[in-house]
Amino acid sequence: KKPKRVTSSFCFSPPWQCFRALCCKGPPPPRPEYDLVCIGLTGSGKTSLLSQLCSESSENIVSTTGFSIKAVPFQNAILNVKELGGADNIRKYWSRYYQGSQGVIFVLDSASSEDDLETARNELHSALQHPQLCTLPFLILANHQDKPAARSVQEV
């Protein structure tokens, strides 16, 4: 006589949840979360970058006014990224959003004008010297490398 097949309603979840429930008696351990701030001038590509990292559509992207927060999931961690708008009238308020940050993403448009590149350089130096950021890891992303006017990393 064949044994009866036992099914359970909790196994309609993803397979790893079933495995953990049967073998490990609990949910998976939580992934560590890190709070980052993402800054750069308007049009540098901050919103596009975060949309790509979150697998969201890059159509109809609008410049951020104020700030937005996105949770970027990775296999071993979650990055809570606070994107700050890069308009002239918003940059003076950036430092109000630095508290609690554990890292910085600075995005610059490598194809921008000399004046905009100089402004970006000044904002980067200001952020590097800020007491709440000066000891944190920085990722400087020279975006728009696909454009004909893009500068090389050495030029930037």
N, C-alpha and C. Protein backbone atom coordinates (compact mmCIF):
# COMPACT_ATOMS: atom_id res chain seq x y z
N LYS A 1 0.84 -1.19 0.00
CA LYS A 1 0.00 0.00 0.00
C LYS A 1 0.88 1.25 0.00
N LYS A 2 0.56 2.22 -0.89
CA LYS A 2 1.32 3.46 -0.98
C LYS A 2 1.02 4.36 0.20
N PRO A 3 2.07 5.05 0.71
CA PRO A 3 1.81 5.99 1.80
C PRO A 3 1.04 7.20 1.28
N LYS A 4 0.23 7.77 2.14
CA LYS A 4 -0.53 8.96 1.79
C LYS A 4 0.42 10.15 1.65
N ARG A 5 0.15 10.94 0.66
CA ARG A 5 0.95 12.16 0.48
C ARG A 5 0.34 13.26 1.32
N VAL A 6 1.16 13.85 2.16
CA VAL A 6 0.68 14.90 3.05
C VAL A 6 1.05 16.25 2.44
N THR A 7 0.08 17.11 2.34
CA THR A 7 0.34 18.46 1.86
C THR A 7 -0.03 19.44 2.96
N SER A 8 0.60 20.57 2.90
CA SER A 8 0.34 21.59 3.91
C SER A 8 0.16 22.92 3.21
N SER A 9 -0.69 23.76 3.75
CA SER A 9 -0.97 25.05 3.11
C SER A 9 0.21 26.00 3.19
N PHE A 10 1.10 25.84 4.18
CA PHE A 10 2.19 26.79 4.28
C PHE A 10 3.25 26.58 3.20
N CYS A 11 3.19 25.51 2.47
CA CYS A 11 4.18 25.27 1.42
C CYS A 11 3.78 25.88 0.08
N PHE A 12 2.79 26.74 0.08
CA PHE A 12 2.49 27.48 -1.12
C PHE A 12 3.38 28.73 -1.18
N SER A 13 4.20 28.93 -0.15
CA SER A 13 5.15 30.02 -0.12
C SER A 13 6.35 29.64 -0.98
N PRO A 14 7.29 30.58 -1.13
CA PRO A 14 8.51 30.24 -1.86
C PRO A 14 9.21 29.04 -1.23
N PRO A 15 9.92 28.24 -2.03
CA PRO A 15 10.53 27.01 -1.53
C PRO A 15 11.45 27.20 -0.33
N TRP A 16 12.21 28.31 -0.30
CA TRP A 16 13.12 28.48 0.83
C TRP A 16 12.35 28.66 2.13
N GLN A 17 11.14 29.26 2.07
CA GLN A 17 10.35 29.41 3.29
C GLN A 17 9.86 28.05 3.77
N CYS A 18 9.46 27.19 2.84
CA CYS A 18 9.02 25.85 3.21
C CYS A 18 10.17 25.09 3.86
N PHE A 19 11.35 25.16 3.22
CA PHE A 19 12.51 24.46 3.74
C PHE A 19 12.85 24.95 5.15
N ARG A 20 12.87 26.27 5.32
CA ARG A 20 13.21 26.82 6.64
C ARG A 20 12.16 26.45 7.68
N ALA A 21 10.89 26.46 7.30
CA ALA A 21 9.82 26.13 8.24
C ALA A 21 9.92 24.67 8.67
N LEU A 22 10.28 23.78 7.73
CA LEU A 22 10.37 22.36 8.05
C LEU A 22 11.66 22.00 8.78
N CYS A 23 12.76 22.57 8.35
CA CYS A 23 14.06 22.16 8.87
C CYS A 23 14.62 23.07 9.94
N CYS A 24 14.39 24.31 9.83
CA CYS A 24 15.04 25.27 10.72
C CYS A 24 14.09 25.91 11.70
N LYS A 25 12.84 25.65 11.55
CA LYS A 25 11.81 26.15 12.47
C LYS A 25 11.82 27.66 12.62
N GLY A 26 11.88 28.36 11.51
CA GLY A 26 11.78 29.81 11.64
C GLY A 26 12.07 30.53 10.35
N PRO A 27 11.83 31.84 10.35
CA PRO A 27 12.10 32.65 9.16
C PRO A 27 13.60 32.82 8.97
N PRO A 28 14.01 33.23 7.78
CA PRO A 28 15.43 33.46 7.55
C PRO A 28 15.92 34.62 8.41
N PRO A 29 17.19 34.62 8.72
CA PRO A 29 17.70 35.74 9.52
C PRO A 29 17.57 37.04 8.74
N PRO A 30 17.34 38.13 9.45
CA PRO A 30 17.17 39.41 8.74
C PRO A 30 18.49 39.84 8.10
N ARG A 31 18.36 40.50 6.93
CA ARG A 31 19.55 41.04 6.27
C ARG A 31 19.90 42.36 6.94
N PRO A 32 21.18 42.64 7.10
CA PRO A 32 21.54 43.94 7.67
C PRO A 32 21.12 45.06 6.74
N GLU A 33 20.76 46.18 7.33
CA GLU A 33 20.35 47.35 6.56
C GLU A 33 21.36 48.48 6.78
N TYR A 34 21.65 49.19 5.70
CA TYR A 34 22.59 50.30 5.75
C TYR A 34 21.91 51.53 5.17
N ASP A 35 22.09 52.67 5.83
CA ASP A 35 21.49 53.93 5.38
C ASP A 35 22.53 54.74 4.62
N LEU A 36 22.22 55.05 3.37
CA LEU A 36 23.13 55.82 2.52
C LEU A 36 22.44 57.09 2.06
N VAL A 37 23.24 58.09 1.73
CA VAL A 37 22.72 59.31 1.14
C VAL A 37 23.29 59.40 -0.27
N CYS A 38 22.44 59.77 -1.22
CA CYS A 38 22.84 59.89 -2.62
C CYS A 38 22.69 61.34 -3.04
N ILE A 39 23.81 61.97 -3.40
CA ILE A 39 23.79 63.39 -3.74
C ILE A 39 24.47 63.62 -5.09
N GLY A 40 24.18 64.76 -5.69
CA GLY A 40 24.75 65.16 -6.97
C GLY A 40 23.87 66.24 -7.57
N LEU A 41 24.39 66.92 -8.56
CA LEU A 41 23.64 68.00 -9.20
C LEU A 41 22.43 67.45 -9.95
N THR A 42 21.48 68.33 -10.24
CA THR A 42 20.32 67.96 -11.04
C THR A 42 20.77 67.41 -12.39
N GLY A 43 20.17 66.32 -12.81
CA GLY A 43 20.49 65.74 -14.11
C GLY A 43 21.69 64.83 -14.12
N SER A 44 22.29 64.59 -12.96
CA SER A 44 23.48 63.74 -12.93
C SER A 44 23.13 62.26 -13.09
N GLY A 45 21.89 61.89 -12.77
CA GLY A 45 21.46 60.50 -12.95
C GLY A 45 21.19 59.74 -11.66
N LYS A 46 20.98 60.45 -10.57
CA LYS A 46 20.73 59.80 -9.28
C LYS A 46 19.46 58.96 -9.32
N THR A 47 18.37 59.53 -9.80
CA THR A 47 17.09 58.82 -9.84
C THR A 47 17.17 57.63 -10.79
N SER A 48 17.80 57.81 -11.94
CA SER A 48 17.95 56.71 -12.89
C SER A 48 18.76 55.57 -12.30
N LEU A 49 19.83 55.91 -11.60
CA LEU A 49 20.67 54.90 -10.95
C LEU A 49 19.85 54.07 -9.97
N LEU A 50 19.11 54.74 -9.11
CA LEU A 50 18.33 54.02 -8.10
C LEU A 50 17.20 53.22 -8.73
N SER A 51 16.60 53.75 -9.78
CA SER A 51 15.56 52.99 -10.48
C SER A 51 16.13 51.71 -11.07
N GLN A 52 17.30 51.79 -11.66
CA GLN A 52 17.96 50.60 -12.21
C GLN A 52 18.27 49.59 -11.11
N LEU A 53 18.80 50.05 -9.99
CA LEU A 53 19.15 49.15 -8.88
C LEU A 53 17.92 48.47 -8.29
N CYS A 54 16.77 49.15 -8.37
CA CYS A 54 15.52 48.58 -7.84
C CYS A 54 14.72 47.86 -8.92
N SER A 55 15.28 47.72 -10.12
CA SER A 55 14.61 47.06 -11.24
C SER A 55 13.28 47.72 -11.59
N GLU A 56 13.24 49.03 -11.50
CA GLU A 56 12.05 49.78 -11.86
C GLU A 56 12.20 50.31 -13.28
N SER A 57 11.10 50.68 -13.87
CA SER A 57 11.12 51.25 -15.21
C SER A 57 11.84 52.59 -15.19
N SER A 58 12.66 52.81 -16.21
CA SER A 58 13.37 54.08 -16.29
C SER A 58 12.66 55.09 -17.19
N GLU A 59 11.44 54.76 -17.59
CA GLU A 59 10.64 55.69 -18.38
C GLU A 59 10.02 56.73 -17.46
N ASN A 60 9.82 57.91 -17.99
CA ASN A 60 9.14 58.99 -17.26
C ASN A 60 9.82 59.37 -15.95
N ILE A 61 11.13 59.35 -15.91
CA ILE A 61 11.84 59.75 -14.70
C ILE A 61 11.85 61.27 -14.63
N VAL A 62 11.53 61.79 -13.47
CA VAL A 62 11.47 63.23 -13.23
C VAL A 62 12.51 63.57 -12.17
N SER A 63 13.15 64.71 -12.30
CA SER A 63 14.13 65.14 -11.31
C SER A 63 13.50 65.20 -9.93
N THR A 64 14.26 64.76 -8.96
CA THR A 64 13.77 64.76 -7.58
C THR A 64 13.82 66.17 -7.01
N THR A 65 12.69 66.62 -6.48
CA THR A 65 12.67 67.88 -5.73
C THR A 65 12.48 67.49 -4.28
N GLY A 66 13.34 67.97 -3.43
CA GLY A 66 13.31 67.52 -2.04
C GLY A 66 14.14 66.26 -1.91
N PHE A 67 13.48 65.17 -1.50
CA PHE A 67 14.22 63.90 -1.38
C PHE A 67 13.28 62.74 -1.59
N SER A 68 13.86 61.59 -1.84
CA SER A 68 13.10 60.35 -1.91
C SER A 68 13.94 59.26 -1.27
N ILE A 69 13.28 58.22 -0.81
CA ILE A 69 13.99 57.11 -0.17
C ILE A 69 13.62 55.82 -0.90
N LYS A 70 14.62 55.04 -1.23
CA LYS A 70 14.40 53.75 -1.87
C LYS A 70 15.16 52.68 -1.10
N ALA A 71 14.53 51.53 -0.93
CA ALA A 71 15.20 50.37 -0.34
C ALA A 71 15.74 49.54 -1.50
N VAL A 72 17.03 49.38 -1.57
CA VAL A 72 17.67 48.63 -2.64
C VAL A 72 18.08 47.27 -2.07
N PRO A 73 17.38 46.21 -2.47
CA PRO A 73 17.69 44.90 -1.89
C PRO A 73 18.84 44.21 -2.62
N PHE A 74 19.74 43.64 -1.84
CA PHE A 74 20.79 42.77 -2.34
C PHE A 74 20.68 41.46 -1.58
N GLN A 75 21.40 40.45 -2.02
CA GLN A 75 21.28 39.12 -1.40
C GLN A 75 21.64 39.16 0.08
N ASN A 76 22.68 39.90 0.43
CA ASN A 76 23.16 39.87 1.82
C ASN A 76 22.87 41.13 2.61
N ALA A 77 22.23 42.11 2.01
CA ALA A 77 21.97 43.37 2.72
C ALA A 77 20.89 44.17 2.00
N ILE A 78 20.39 45.16 2.71
CA ILE A 78 19.44 46.11 2.13
C ILE A 78 20.03 47.50 2.30
N LEU A 79 20.08 48.25 1.21
CA LEU A 79 20.56 49.62 1.27
C LEU A 79 19.35 50.56 1.24
N ASN A 80 19.18 51.33 2.28
CA ASN A 80 18.14 52.35 2.34
C ASN A 80 18.79 53.65 1.86
N VAL A 81 18.48 54.03 0.61
CA VAL A 81 19.16 55.15 -0.01
C VAL A 81 18.25 56.37 -0.01
N LYS A 82 18.74 57.43 0.61
CA LYS A 82 18.02 58.70 0.64
C LYS A 82 18.61 59.57 -0.46
N GLU A 83 17.83 59.78 -1.52
CA GLU A 83 18.28 60.58 -2.65
C GLU A 83 17.85 62.02 -2.42
N LEU A 84 18.81 62.92 -2.47
CA LEU A 84 18.52 64.33 -2.26
C LEU A 84 18.54 65.07 -3.60
N GLY A 85 17.55 65.90 -3.83
CA GLY A 85 17.48 66.67 -5.07
C GLY A 85 18.72 67.53 -5.24
N GLY A 86 19.12 67.76 -6.48
CA GLY A 86 20.36 68.47 -6.75
C GLY A 86 20.21 69.88 -7.26
N ALA A 87 18.99 70.41 -7.21
CA ALA A 87 18.78 71.78 -7.69
C ALA A 87 19.50 72.78 -6.78
N ASP A 88 19.82 73.91 -7.37
CA ASP A 88 20.54 74.97 -6.67
C ASP A 88 19.90 75.33 -5.33
N ASN A 89 18.59 75.50 -5.33
CA ASN A 89 17.89 75.94 -4.11
C ASN A 89 17.70 74.81 -3.09
N ILE A 90 18.02 73.58 -3.45
CA ILE A 90 17.86 72.45 -2.53
C ILE A 90 19.19 72.04 -1.91
N ARG A 91 20.29 72.24 -2.63
CA ARG A 91 21.60 71.79 -2.16
C ARG A 91 21.98 72.38 -0.81
N LYS A 92 21.54 73.59 -0.54
CA LYS A 92 21.88 74.22 0.74
C LYS A 92 21.26 73.49 1.93
N TYR A 93 20.28 72.62 1.67
CA TYR A 93 19.62 71.86 2.75
C TYR A 93 20.13 70.42 2.87
N TRP A 94 21.04 70.02 2.00
CA TRP A 94 21.54 68.64 2.02
C TRP A 94 21.99 68.20 3.41
N SER A 95 22.74 69.05 4.08
CA SER A 95 23.34 68.65 5.36
C SER A 95 22.29 68.29 6.42
N ARG A 96 21.07 68.74 6.26
CA ARG A 96 20.01 68.40 7.20
C ARG A 96 19.62 66.93 7.11
N TYR A 97 20.00 66.27 6.03
CA TYR A 97 19.62 64.88 5.80
C TYR A 97 20.79 63.91 5.97
N TYR A 98 21.94 64.39 6.39
CA TYR A 98 23.12 63.55 6.52
C TYR A 98 23.12 62.66 7.75
N GLN A 99 22.46 63.10 8.80
CA GLN A 99 22.52 62.38 10.08
C GLN A 99 22.07 60.92 9.91
N GLY A 100 22.84 60.02 10.48
CA GLY A 100 22.51 58.60 10.45
C GLY A 100 23.01 57.88 9.21
N SER A 101 23.59 58.62 8.27
CA SER A 101 24.11 57.99 7.05
C SER A 101 25.33 57.14 7.38
N GLN A 102 25.44 56.04 6.66
CA GLN A 102 26.58 55.13 6.84
C GLN A 102 27.45 55.06 5.60
N GLY A 103 27.09 55.83 4.59
CA GLY A 103 27.85 55.89 3.35
C GLY A 103 27.25 56.92 2.43
N VAL A 104 28.02 57.32 1.41
CA VAL A 104 27.60 58.38 0.50
C VAL A 104 27.82 57.91 -0.95
N ILE A 105 26.82 58.16 -1.77
CA ILE A 105 26.95 57.97 -3.22
C ILE A 105 26.90 59.37 -3.82
N PHE A 106 27.98 59.77 -4.49
CA PHE A 106 28.01 61.07 -5.15
C PHE A 106 27.99 60.80 -6.65
N VAL A 107 26.95 61.27 -7.33
CA VAL A 107 26.79 61.04 -8.76
C VAL A 107 27.07 62.34 -9.50
N LEU A 108 27.94 62.26 -10.50
CA LEU A 108 28.18 63.44 -11.32
C LEU A 108 28.04 63.09 -12.79
N ASP A 109 27.65 64.09 -13.55
CA ASP A 109 27.47 63.94 -14.99
C ASP A 109 28.81 64.19 -15.65
N SER A 110 29.44 63.12 -16.14
CA SER A 110 30.78 63.26 -16.73
C SER A 110 30.74 63.98 -18.08
N ALA A 111 29.55 64.23 -18.62
CA ALA A 111 29.42 64.95 -19.89
C ALA A 111 28.91 66.37 -19.68
N SER A 112 28.92 66.84 -18.45
CA SER A 112 28.37 68.18 -18.16
C SER A 112 29.36 69.27 -18.57
N SER A 113 28.88 70.49 -18.52
CA SER A 113 29.71 71.65 -18.88
C SER A 113 30.81 71.83 -17.84
N GLU A 114 31.81 72.63 -18.20
CA GLU A 114 32.91 72.93 -17.26
C GLU A 114 32.37 73.60 -16.00
N ASP A 115 31.40 74.51 -16.17
CA ASP A 115 30.83 75.20 -15.00
C ASP A 115 30.12 74.22 -14.07
N ASP A 116 29.32 73.31 -14.65
CA ASP A 116 28.61 72.32 -13.83
C ASP A 116 29.58 71.36 -13.17
N LEU A 117 30.64 71.00 -13.89
CA LEU A 117 31.64 70.11 -13.30
C LEU A 117 32.35 70.79 -12.13
N GLU A 118 32.60 72.09 -12.27
CA GLU A 118 33.22 72.85 -11.17
C GLU A 118 32.27 72.93 -9.98
N THR A 119 30.97 73.14 -10.24
CA THR A 119 29.98 73.17 -9.16
C THR A 119 29.92 71.81 -8.47
N ALA A 120 29.92 70.74 -9.24
CA ALA A 120 29.90 69.39 -8.67
C ALA A 120 31.15 69.15 -7.83
N ARG A 121 32.29 69.60 -8.31
CA ARG A 121 33.55 69.45 -7.56
C ARG A 121 33.45 70.17 -6.21
N ASN A 122 32.90 71.38 -6.22
CA ASN A 122 32.76 72.14 -4.97
C ASN A 122 31.81 71.44 -4.01
N GLU A 123 30.70 70.91 -4.53
CA GLU A 123 29.74 70.20 -3.67
C GLU A 123 30.36 68.92 -3.11
N LEU A 124 31.14 68.22 -3.92
CA LEU A 124 31.81 67.01 -3.45
C LEU A 124 32.79 67.35 -2.34
N HIS A 125 33.61 68.38 -2.54
CA HIS A 125 34.58 68.77 -1.51
C HIS A 125 33.88 69.20 -0.23
N SER A 126 32.76 69.89 -0.37
CA SER A 126 31.99 70.29 0.80
C SER A 126 31.47 69.06 1.56
N ALA A 127 30.96 68.07 0.82
CA ALA A 127 30.46 66.84 1.46
C ALA A 127 31.59 66.06 2.11
N LEU A 128 32.75 65.99 1.44
CA LEU A 128 33.90 65.26 2.00
C LEU A 128 34.40 65.87 3.30
N GLN A 129 34.17 67.18 3.48
CA GLN A 129 34.63 67.87 4.68
C GLN A 129 33.56 67.98 5.76
N HIS A 130 32.34 67.59 5.45
CA HIS A 130 31.26 67.72 6.42
C HIS A 130 31.50 66.76 7.59
N PRO A 131 31.34 67.22 8.83
CA PRO A 131 31.63 66.37 10.00
C PRO A 131 30.84 65.06 10.05
N GLN A 132 29.62 65.05 9.52
CA GLN A 132 28.82 63.83 9.56
C GLN A 132 29.15 62.86 8.42
N LEU A 133 29.92 63.32 7.43
CA LEU A 133 30.23 62.47 6.29
C LEU A 133 31.72 62.16 6.13
N CYS A 134 32.58 62.99 6.71
CA CYS A 134 34.01 62.91 6.40
C CYS A 134 34.65 61.56 6.75
N THR A 135 34.07 60.77 7.61
CA THR A 135 34.65 59.47 7.97
C THR A 135 33.95 58.30 7.26
N LEU A 136 32.95 58.61 6.44
CA LEU A 136 32.15 57.56 5.80
C LEU A 136 32.74 57.15 4.45
N PRO A 137 32.40 55.94 4.01
CA PRO A 137 32.81 55.54 2.66
C PRO A 137 32.04 56.35 1.61
N PHE A 138 32.74 56.75 0.56
CA PHE A 138 32.16 57.50 -0.55
C PHE A 138 32.28 56.68 -1.82
N LEU A 139 31.21 56.61 -2.59
CA LEU A 139 31.26 56.09 -3.95
C LEU A 139 31.03 57.28 -4.86
N ILE A 140 32.00 57.57 -5.72
CA ILE A 140 31.85 58.67 -6.67
C ILE A 140 31.61 58.03 -8.03
N LEU A 141 30.43 58.28 -8.58
CA LEU A 141 30.03 57.67 -9.84
C LEU A 141 30.05 58.71 -10.95
N ALA A 142 30.95 58.53 -11.92
CA ALA A 142 31.01 59.41 -13.09
C ALA A 142 30.02 58.85 -14.10
N ASN A 143 28.82 59.36 -14.07
CA ASN A 143 27.72 58.86 -14.88
C ASN A 143 27.78 59.42 -16.30
N HIS A 144 26.92 58.88 -17.17
CA HIS A 144 26.77 59.31 -18.56
C HIS A 144 28.04 59.08 -19.38
N GLN A 145 28.74 58.00 -19.09
CA GLN A 145 29.94 57.65 -19.85
C GLN A 145 29.62 57.27 -21.29
N ASP A 146 28.35 57.00 -21.57
CA ASP A 146 27.94 56.62 -22.93
C ASP A 146 27.75 57.83 -23.84
N LYS A 147 27.81 59.03 -23.30
CA LYS A 147 27.62 60.23 -24.12
C LYS A 147 28.94 60.62 -24.79
N PRO A 148 28.86 61.19 -26.01
CA PRO A 148 30.09 61.56 -26.73
C PRO A 148 30.96 62.57 -25.97
N ALA A 149 30.34 63.47 -25.22
CA ALA A 149 31.10 64.51 -24.52
C ALA A 149 31.63 64.05 -23.16
N ALA A 150 31.44 62.80 -22.83
CA ALA A 150 31.85 62.31 -21.51
C ALA A 150 33.36 62.40 -21.32
N ARG A 151 33.74 62.81 -20.13
CA ARG A 151 35.16 62.87 -19.78
C ARG A 151 35.58 61.52 -19.20
N SER A 152 36.83 61.21 -19.35
CA SER A 152 37.35 59.97 -18.76
C SER A 152 37.44 60.13 -17.25
N VAL A 153 37.67 59.03 -16.57
CA VAL A 153 37.81 59.07 -15.12
C VAL A 153 38.98 59.98 -14.74
N GLN A 154 40.08 59.91 -15.49
CA GLN A 154 41.24 60.75 -15.20
C GLN A 154 40.91 62.23 -15.36
N GLU A 155 40.12 62.57 -16.38
CA GLU A 155 39.74 63.96 -16.60
C GLU A 155 38.81 64.47 -15.50
N VAL A 156 37.93 63.61 -15.05
CA VAL A 156 36.99 64.00 -14.00
C VAL A 156 37.77 64.23 -12.72
